[in-house]
Amino acid sequence: SATVQVQALYLSVGEAEDVPLSEKNIESRLDKYNEALSRMRDGHFEPKPDDRRCPRCPYYFVCPAGGETP
């Protein structure tokens, strides 16, 4: 079994800090990643409009989501 380690790097001070992850966290996140990769492989790219993220997107005014509004 692989060992997973995550660190947060604080660029302003140049320090790295370990981020503790439980087995449950790792398993849950890997399941989400695997599901996302599977959907991409199958050509599914459903939009997820979001009032916070959409205005920062380069496609905000010409969104290929097909007329959905954030």
PDB file of N, CA and C in Angstrom:
ATOM      1  N   SER A   1       0.840  -1.184   0.000  1.00  0.00           N
ATOM      2  CA  SER A   1       0.000   0.000   0.000  1.00  0.00           C
ATOM      3  C   SER A   1       0.883   1.244   0.000  1.00  0.00           C
ATOM      4  N   ALA A   2       0.470   2.251  -0.743  1.00  0.00           N
ATOM      5  CA  ALA A   2       1.237   3.491  -0.841  1.00  0.00           C
ATOM      6  C   ALA A   2       1.029   4.355   0.397  1.00  0.00           C
ATOM      7  N   THR A   3       2.024   5.138   0.703  1.00  0.00           N
ATOM      8  CA  THR A   3       1.930   6.087   1.796  1.00  0.00           C
ATOM      9  C   THR A   3       1.557   7.450   1.223  1.00  0.00           C
ATOM     10  N   VAL A   4       0.574   8.094   1.834  1.00  0.00           N
ATOM     11  CA  VAL A   4       0.125   9.401   1.359  1.00  0.00           C
ATOM     12  C   VAL A   4       0.544  10.461   2.359  1.00  0.00           C
ATOM     13  N   GLN A   5       1.137  11.534   1.844  1.00  0.00           N
ATOM     14  CA  GLN A   5       1.528  12.642   2.697  1.00  0.00           C
ATOM     15  C   GLN A   5       1.176  13.935   1.964  1.00  0.00           C
ATOM     16  N   VAL A   6       0.524  14.844   2.667  1.00  0.00           N
ATOM     17  CA  VAL A   6       0.147  16.132   2.102  1.00  0.00           C
ATOM     18  C   VAL A   6       0.776  17.213   2.963  1.00  0.00           C
ATOM     19  N   GLN A   7       1.313  18.229   2.281  1.00  0.00           N
ATOM     20  CA  GLN A   7       1.885  19.360   3.002  1.00  0.00           C
ATOM     21  C   GLN A   7       1.325  20.659   2.438  1.00  0.00           C
ATOM     22  N   ALA A   8       1.222  21.650   3.302  1.00  0.00           N
ATOM     23  CA  ALA A   8       0.862  23.004   2.887  1.00  0.00           C
ATOM     24  C   ALA A   8       2.149  23.816   2.914  1.00  0.00           C
ATOM     25  N   LEU A   9       2.457  24.460   1.794  1.00  0.00           N
ATOM     26  CA  LEU A   9       3.658  25.273   1.703  1.00  0.00           C
ATOM     27  C   LEU A   9       3.257  26.742   1.788  1.00  0.00           C
ATOM     28  N   TYR A  10       3.774  27.425   2.783  1.00  0.00           N
ATOM     29  CA  TYR A  10       3.498  28.842   2.972  1.00  0.00           C
ATOM     30  C   TYR A  10       4.608  29.627   2.296  1.00  0.00           C
ATOM     31  N   LEU A  11       4.301  30.177   1.123  1.00  0.00           N
ATOM     32  CA  LEU A  11       5.311  30.848   0.315  1.00  0.00           C
ATOM     33  C   LEU A  11       5.867  32.106   0.976  1.00  0.00           C
ATOM     34  N   SER A  12       5.058  32.791   1.762  1.00  0.00           N
ATOM     35  CA  SER A  12       5.522  34.033   2.381  1.00  0.00           C
ATOM     36  C   SER A  12       6.636  33.809   3.396  1.00  0.00           C
ATOM     37  N   VAL A  13       6.656  32.637   4.026  1.00  0.00           N
ATOM     38  CA  VAL A  13       7.688  32.353   5.023  1.00  0.00           C
ATOM     39  C   VAL A  13       8.561  31.166   4.632  1.00  0.00           C
ATOM     40  N   GLY A  14       8.213  30.486   3.531  1.00  0.00           N
ATOM     41  CA  GLY A  14       9.021  29.365   3.058  1.00  0.00           C
ATOM     42  C   GLY A  14       8.965  28.138   3.948  1.00  0.00           C
ATOM     43  N   GLU A  15       7.864  27.949   4.648  1.00  0.00           N
ATOM     44  CA  GLU A  15       7.737  26.803   5.545  1.00  0.00           C
ATOM     45  C   GLU A  15       6.682  25.834   5.030  1.00  0.00           C
ATOM     46  N   ALA A  16       6.938  24.558   5.227  1.00  0.00           N
ATOM     47  CA  ALA A  16       5.978  23.515   4.872  1.00  0.00           C
ATOM     48  C   ALA A  16       5.437  22.904   6.160  1.00  0.00           C
ATOM     49  N   GLU A  17       4.146  22.639   6.154  1.00  0.00           N
ATOM     50  CA  GLU A  17       3.504  22.055   7.329  1.00  0.00           C
ATOM     51  C   GLU A  17       2.711  20.827   6.887  1.00  0.00           C
ATOM     52  N   ASP A  18       2.862  19.735   7.611  1.00  0.00           N
ATOM     53  CA  ASP A  18       2.117  18.520   7.290  1.00  0.00           C
ATOM     54  C   ASP A  18       0.627  18.730   7.530  1.00  0.00           C
ATOM     55  N   VAL A  19      -0.186  18.168   6.640  1.00  0.00           N
ATOM     56  CA  VAL A  19      -1.635  18.196   6.777  1.00  0.00           C
ATOM     57  C   VAL A  19      -2.063  16.768   7.118  1.00  0.00           C
ATOM     58  N   PRO A  20      -2.566  16.580   8.322  1.00  0.00           N
ATOM     59  CA  PRO A  20      -2.940  15.219   8.723  1.00  0.00           C
ATOM     60  C   PRO A  20      -4.170  14.734   7.949  1.00  0.00           C
ATOM     61  N   LEU A  21      -4.108  13.506   7.449  1.00  0.00           N
ATOM     62  CA  LEU A  21      -5.225  12.888   6.746  1.00  0.00           C
ATOM     63  C   LEU A  21      -5.481  11.508   7.351  1.00  0.00           C
ATOM     64  N   SER A  22      -6.735  11.257   7.662  1.00  0.00           N
ATOM     65  CA  SER A  22      -7.093   9.940   8.162  1.00  0.00           C
ATOM     66  C   SER A  22      -7.324   9.004   6.978  1.00  0.00           C
ATOM     67  N   GLU A  23      -7.368   7.720   7.246  1.00  0.00           N
ATOM     68  CA  GLU A  23      -7.648   6.745   6.190  1.00  0.00           C
ATOM     69  C   GLU A  23      -8.996   7.040   5.535  1.00  0.00           C
ATOM     70  N   LYS A  24      -9.964   7.467   6.352  1.00  0.00           N
ATOM     71  CA  LYS A  24     -11.297   7.786   5.832  1.00  0.00           C
ATOM     72  C   LYS A  24     -11.219   8.965   4.857  1.00  0.00           C
ATOM     73  N   ASN A  25     -10.440  10.016   5.207  1.00  0.00           N
ATOM     74  CA  ASN A  25     -10.249  11.167   4.320  1.00  0.00           C
ATOM     75  C   ASN A  25      -9.632  10.746   2.998  1.00  0.00           C
ATOM     76  N   ILE A  26      -8.597   9.955   3.081  1.00  0.00           N
ATOM     77  CA  ILE A  26      -7.876   9.522   1.878  1.00  0.00           C
ATOM     78  C   ILE A  26      -8.796   8.701   0.984  1.00  0.00           C
ATOM     79  N   GLU A  27      -9.510   7.747   1.575  1.00  0.00           N
ATOM     80  CA  GLU A  27     -10.400   6.888   0.798  1.00  0.00           C
ATOM     81  C   GLU A  27     -11.515   7.701   0.132  1.00  0.00           C
ATOM     82  N   SER A  28     -12.096   8.633   0.876  1.00  0.00           N
ATOM     83  CA  SER A  28     -13.174   9.467   0.341  1.00  0.00           C
ATOM     84  C   SER A  28     -12.690  10.321  -0.826  1.00  0.00           C
ATOM     85  N   ARG A  29     -11.535  10.932  -0.677  1.00  0.00           N
ATOM     86  CA  ARG A  29     -10.995  11.793  -1.735  1.00  0.00           C
ATOM     87  C   ARG A  29     -10.580  10.990  -2.961  1.00  0.00           C
ATOM     88  N   LEU A  30     -10.001   9.824  -2.745  1.00  0.00           N
ATOM     89  CA  LEU A  30      -9.638   8.973  -3.879  1.00  0.00           C
ATOM     90  C   LEU A  30     -10.881   8.521  -4.641  1.00  0.00           C
ATOM     91  N   ASP A  31     -11.962   8.233  -3.920  1.00  0.00           N
ATOM     92  CA  ASP A  31     -13.220   7.865  -4.582  1.00  0.00           C
ATOM     93  C   ASP A  31     -13.721   9.009  -5.456  1.00  0.00           C
ATOM     94  N   LYS A  32     -13.639  10.245  -4.950  1.00  0.00           N
ATOM     95  CA  LYS A  32     -14.078  11.411  -5.728  1.00  0.00           C
ATOM     96  C   LYS A  32     -13.201  11.613  -6.957  1.00  0.00           C
ATOM     97  N   TYR A  33     -11.895  11.475  -6.806  1.00  0.00           N
ATOM     98  CA  TYR A  33     -10.978  11.629  -7.936  1.00  0.00           C
ATOM     99  C   TYR A  33     -11.241  10.560  -8.995  1.00  0.00           C
ATOM    100  N   ASN A  34     -11.414   9.317  -8.547  1.00  0.00           N
ATOM    101  CA  ASN A  34     -11.672   8.233  -9.488  1.00  0.00           C
ATOM    102  C   ASN A  34     -12.981   8.443 -10.239  1.00  0.00           C
ATOM    103  N   GLU A  35     -14.004   8.901  -9.541  1.00  0.00           N
ATOM    104  CA  GLU A  35     -15.289   9.179 -10.187  1.00  0.00           C
ATOM    105  C   GLU A  35     -15.138  10.297 -11.218  1.00  0.00           C
ATOM    106  N   ALA A  36     -14.427  11.368 -10.868  1.00  0.00           N
ATOM    107  CA  ALA A  36     -14.217  12.479 -11.802  1.00  0.00           C
ATOM    108  C   ALA A  36     -13.448  12.019 -13.035  1.00  0.00           C
ATOM    109  N   LEU A  37     -12.409  11.247 -12.843  1.00  0.00           N
ATOM    110  CA  LEU A  37     -11.626  10.753 -13.985  1.00  0.00           C
ATOM    111  C   LEU A  37     -12.451   9.833 -14.874  1.00  0.00           C
ATOM    112  N   SER A  38     -13.266   9.018 -14.259  1.00  0.00           N
ATOM    113  CA  SER A  38     -14.130   8.119 -15.019  1.00  0.00           C
ATOM    114  C   SER A  38     -15.117   8.907 -15.870  1.00  0.00           C
ATOM    115  N   ARG A  39     -15.712   9.944 -15.290  1.00  0.00           N
ATOM    116  CA  ARG A  39     -16.677  10.763 -16.034  1.00  0.00           C
ATOM    117  C   ARG A  39     -15.984  11.515 -17.171  1.00  0.00           C
ATOM    118  N   MET A  40     -14.783  11.994 -16.941  1.00  0.00           N
ATOM    119  CA  MET A  40     -14.041  12.671 -18.007  1.00  0.00           C
ATOM    120  C   MET A  40     -13.720  11.706 -19.140  1.00  0.00           C
ATOM    121  N   ARG A  41     -13.278  10.514 -18.780  1.00  0.00           N
ATOM    122  CA  ARG A  41     -12.951   9.508 -19.780  1.00  0.00           C
ATOM    123  C   ARG A  41     -14.166   9.193 -20.649  1.00  0.00           C
ATOM    124  N   ASP A  42     -15.361   9.204 -20.034  1.00  0.00           N
ATOM    125  CA  ASP A  42     -16.595   8.909 -20.748  1.00  0.00           C
ATOM    126  C   ASP A  42     -17.174  10.127 -21.466  1.00  0.00           C
ATOM    127  N   GLY A  43     -16.503  11.286 -21.349  1.00  0.00           N
ATOM    128  CA  GLY A  43     -16.942  12.490 -22.055  1.00  0.00           C
ATOM    129  C   GLY A  43     -18.018  13.293 -21.354  1.00  0.00           C
ATOM    130  N   HIS A  44     -18.194  13.090 -20.065  1.00  0.00           N
ATOM    131  CA  HIS A  44     -19.202  13.833 -19.300  1.00  0.00           C
ATOM    132  C   HIS A  44     -18.547  15.027 -18.606  1.00  0.00           C
ATOM    133  N   PHE A  45     -18.953  16.224 -19.004  1.00  0.00           N
ATOM    134  CA  PHE A  45     -18.393  17.448 -18.426  1.00  0.00           C
ATOM    135  C   PHE A  45     -19.538  18.359 -18.004  1.00  0.00           C
ATOM    136  N   GLU A  46     -20.351  17.916 -17.070  1.00  0.00           N
ATOM    137  CA  GLU A  46     -21.496  18.704 -16.637  1.00  0.00           C
ATOM    138  C   GLU A  46     -21.036  19.988 -15.946  1.00  0.00           C
ATOM    139  N   PRO A  47     -21.672  21.106 -16.306  1.00  0.00           N
ATOM    140  CA  PRO A  47     -21.322  22.369 -15.642  1.00  0.00           C
ATOM    141  C   PRO A  47     -21.854  22.376 -14.206  1.00  0.00           C
ATOM    142  N   LYS A  48     -21.160  23.079 -13.369  1.00  0.00           N
ATOM    143  CA  LYS A  48     -21.592  23.271 -11.991  1.00  0.00           C
ATOM    144  C   LYS A  48     -21.559  24.769 -11.700  1.00  0.00           C
ATOM    145  N   PRO A  49     -22.601  25.497 -12.135  1.00  0.00           N
ATOM    146  CA  PRO A  49     -22.616  26.939 -11.898  1.00  0.00           C
ATOM    147  C   PRO A  49     -22.448  27.261 -10.414  1.00  0.00           C
ATOM    148  N   ASP A  50     -21.671  28.298 -10.164  1.00  0.00           N
ATOM    149  CA  ASP A  50     -21.342  28.681  -8.800  1.00  0.00           C
ATOM    150  C   ASP A  50     -21.199  30.200  -8.761  1.00  0.00           C
ATOM    151  N   ASP A  51     -21.966  30.861  -7.901  1.00  0.00           N
ATOM    152  CA  ASP A  51     -21.953  32.325  -7.826  1.00  0.00           C
ATOM    153  C   ASP A  51     -20.584  32.892  -7.471  1.00  0.00           C
ATOM    154  N   ARG A  52     -19.759  32.131  -6.812  1.00  0.00           N
ATOM    155  CA  ARG A  52     -18.435  32.614  -6.431  1.00  0.00           C
ATOM    156  C   ARG A  52     -17.377  32.344  -7.505  1.00  0.00           C
ATOM    157  N   ARG A  53     -17.396  31.155  -8.093  1.00  0.00           N
ATOM    158  CA  ARG A  53     -16.364  30.780  -9.055  1.00  0.00           C
ATOM    159  C   ARG A  53     -16.646  31.268 -10.473  1.00  0.00           C
ATOM    160  N   CYS A  54     -17.904  31.246 -10.887  1.00  0.00           N
ATOM    161  CA  CYS A  54     -18.227  31.585 -12.280  1.00  0.00           C
ATOM    162  C   CYS A  54     -17.726  32.973 -12.715  1.00  0.00           C
ATOM    163  N   PRO A  55     -17.908  34.025 -11.929  1.00  0.00           N
ATOM    164  CA  PRO A  55     -17.433  35.345 -12.389  1.00  0.00           C
ATOM    165  C   PRO A  55     -15.925  35.413 -12.621  1.00  0.00           C
ATOM    166  N   ARG A  56     -15.168  34.500 -12.062  1.00  0.00           N
ATOM    167  CA  ARG A  56     -13.712  34.491 -12.245  1.00  0.00           C
ATOM    168  C   ARG A  56     -13.280  33.635 -13.435  1.00  0.00           C
ATOM    169  N   CYS A  57     -14.238  32.957 -14.049  1.00  0.00           N
ATOM    170  CA  CYS A  57     -13.947  32.050 -15.155  1.00  0.00           C
ATOM    171  C   CYS A  57     -13.787  32.825 -16.459  1.00  0.00           C
ATOM    172  N   PRO A  58     -12.793  32.463 -17.280  1.00  0.00           N
ATOM    173  CA  PRO A  58     -12.612  33.156 -18.557  1.00  0.00           C
ATOM    174  C   PRO A  58     -13.791  32.958 -19.510  1.00  0.00           C
ATOM    175  N   TYR A  59     -14.638  31.977 -19.261  1.00  0.00           N
ATOM    176  CA  TYR A  59     -15.800  31.723 -20.118  1.00  0.00           C
ATOM    177  C   TYR A  59     -17.092  32.301 -19.540  1.00  0.00           C
ATOM    178  N   TYR A  60     -16.987  33.161 -18.556  1.00  0.00           N
ATOM    179  CA  TYR A  60     -18.171  33.671 -17.856  1.00  0.00           C
ATOM    180  C   TYR A  60     -19.218  34.240 -18.816  1.00  0.00           C
ATOM    181  N   PHE A  61     -18.806  35.041 -19.787  1.00  0.00           N
ATOM    182  CA  PHE A  61     -19.758  35.691 -20.692  1.00  0.00           C
ATOM    183  C   PHE A  61     -20.103  34.842 -21.897  1.00  0.00           C
ATOM    184  N   VAL A  62     -19.336  33.844 -22.182  1.00  0.00           N
ATOM    185  CA  VAL A  62     -19.599  32.962 -23.326  1.00  0.00           C
ATOM    186  C   VAL A  62     -19.543  31.508 -22.853  1.00  0.00           C
ATOM    187  N   CYS A  63     -20.233  31.225 -21.798  1.00  0.00           N
ATOM    188  CA  CYS A  63     -20.175  29.909 -21.150  1.00  0.00           C
ATOM    189  C   CYS A  63     -20.686  28.803 -22.068  1.00  0.00           C
ATOM    190  N   PRO A  64     -19.880  27.768 -22.267  1.00  0.00           N
ATOM    191  CA  PRO A  64     -20.316  26.655 -23.107  1.00  0.00           C
ATOM    192  C   PRO A  64     -21.342  25.748 -22.410  1.00  0.00           C
ATOM    193  N   ALA A  65     -21.801  26.142 -21.216  1.00  0.00           N
ATOM    194  CA  ALA A  65     -22.770  25.326 -20.503  1.00  0.00           C
ATOM    195  C   ALA A  65     -24.134  25.344 -21.171  1.00  0.00           C
ATOM    196  N   GLY A  66     -24.285  26.106 -22.236  1.00  0.00           N
ATOM    197  CA  GLY A  66     -25.525  26.082 -22.991  1.00  0.00           C
ATOM    198  C   GLY A  66     -26.624  26.935 -22.424  1.00  0.00           C
ATOM    199  N   GLY A  67     -26.282  28.111 -21.935  1.00  0.00           N
ATOM    200  CA  GLY A  67     -27.309  29.036 -21.483  1.00  0.00           C
ATOM    201  C   GLY A  67     -27.635  28.963 -20.002  1.00  0.00           C
ATOM    202  N   GLU A  68     -27.001  28.075 -19.276  1.00  0.00           N
ATOM    203  CA  GLU A  68     -27.246  28.038 -17.845  1.00  0.00           C
ATOM    204  C   GLU A  68     -26.646  29.278 -17.217  1.00  0.00           C
ATOM    205  N   THR A  69     -27.335  29.830 -16.244  1.00  0.00           N
ATOM    206  CA  THR A  69     -26.827  31.019 -15.584  1.00  0.00           C
ATOM    207  C   THR A  69     -26.278  30.656 -14.221  1.00  0.00           C
ATOM    208  N   PRO A  70     -25.198  31.294 -13.846  1.00  0.00           N
ATOM    209  CA  PRO A  70     -24.598  30.987 -12.541  1.00  0.00           C
ATOM    210  C   PRO A  70     -25.461  31.436 -11.389  1.00  0.00           C
TER     211      PRO A  70
END
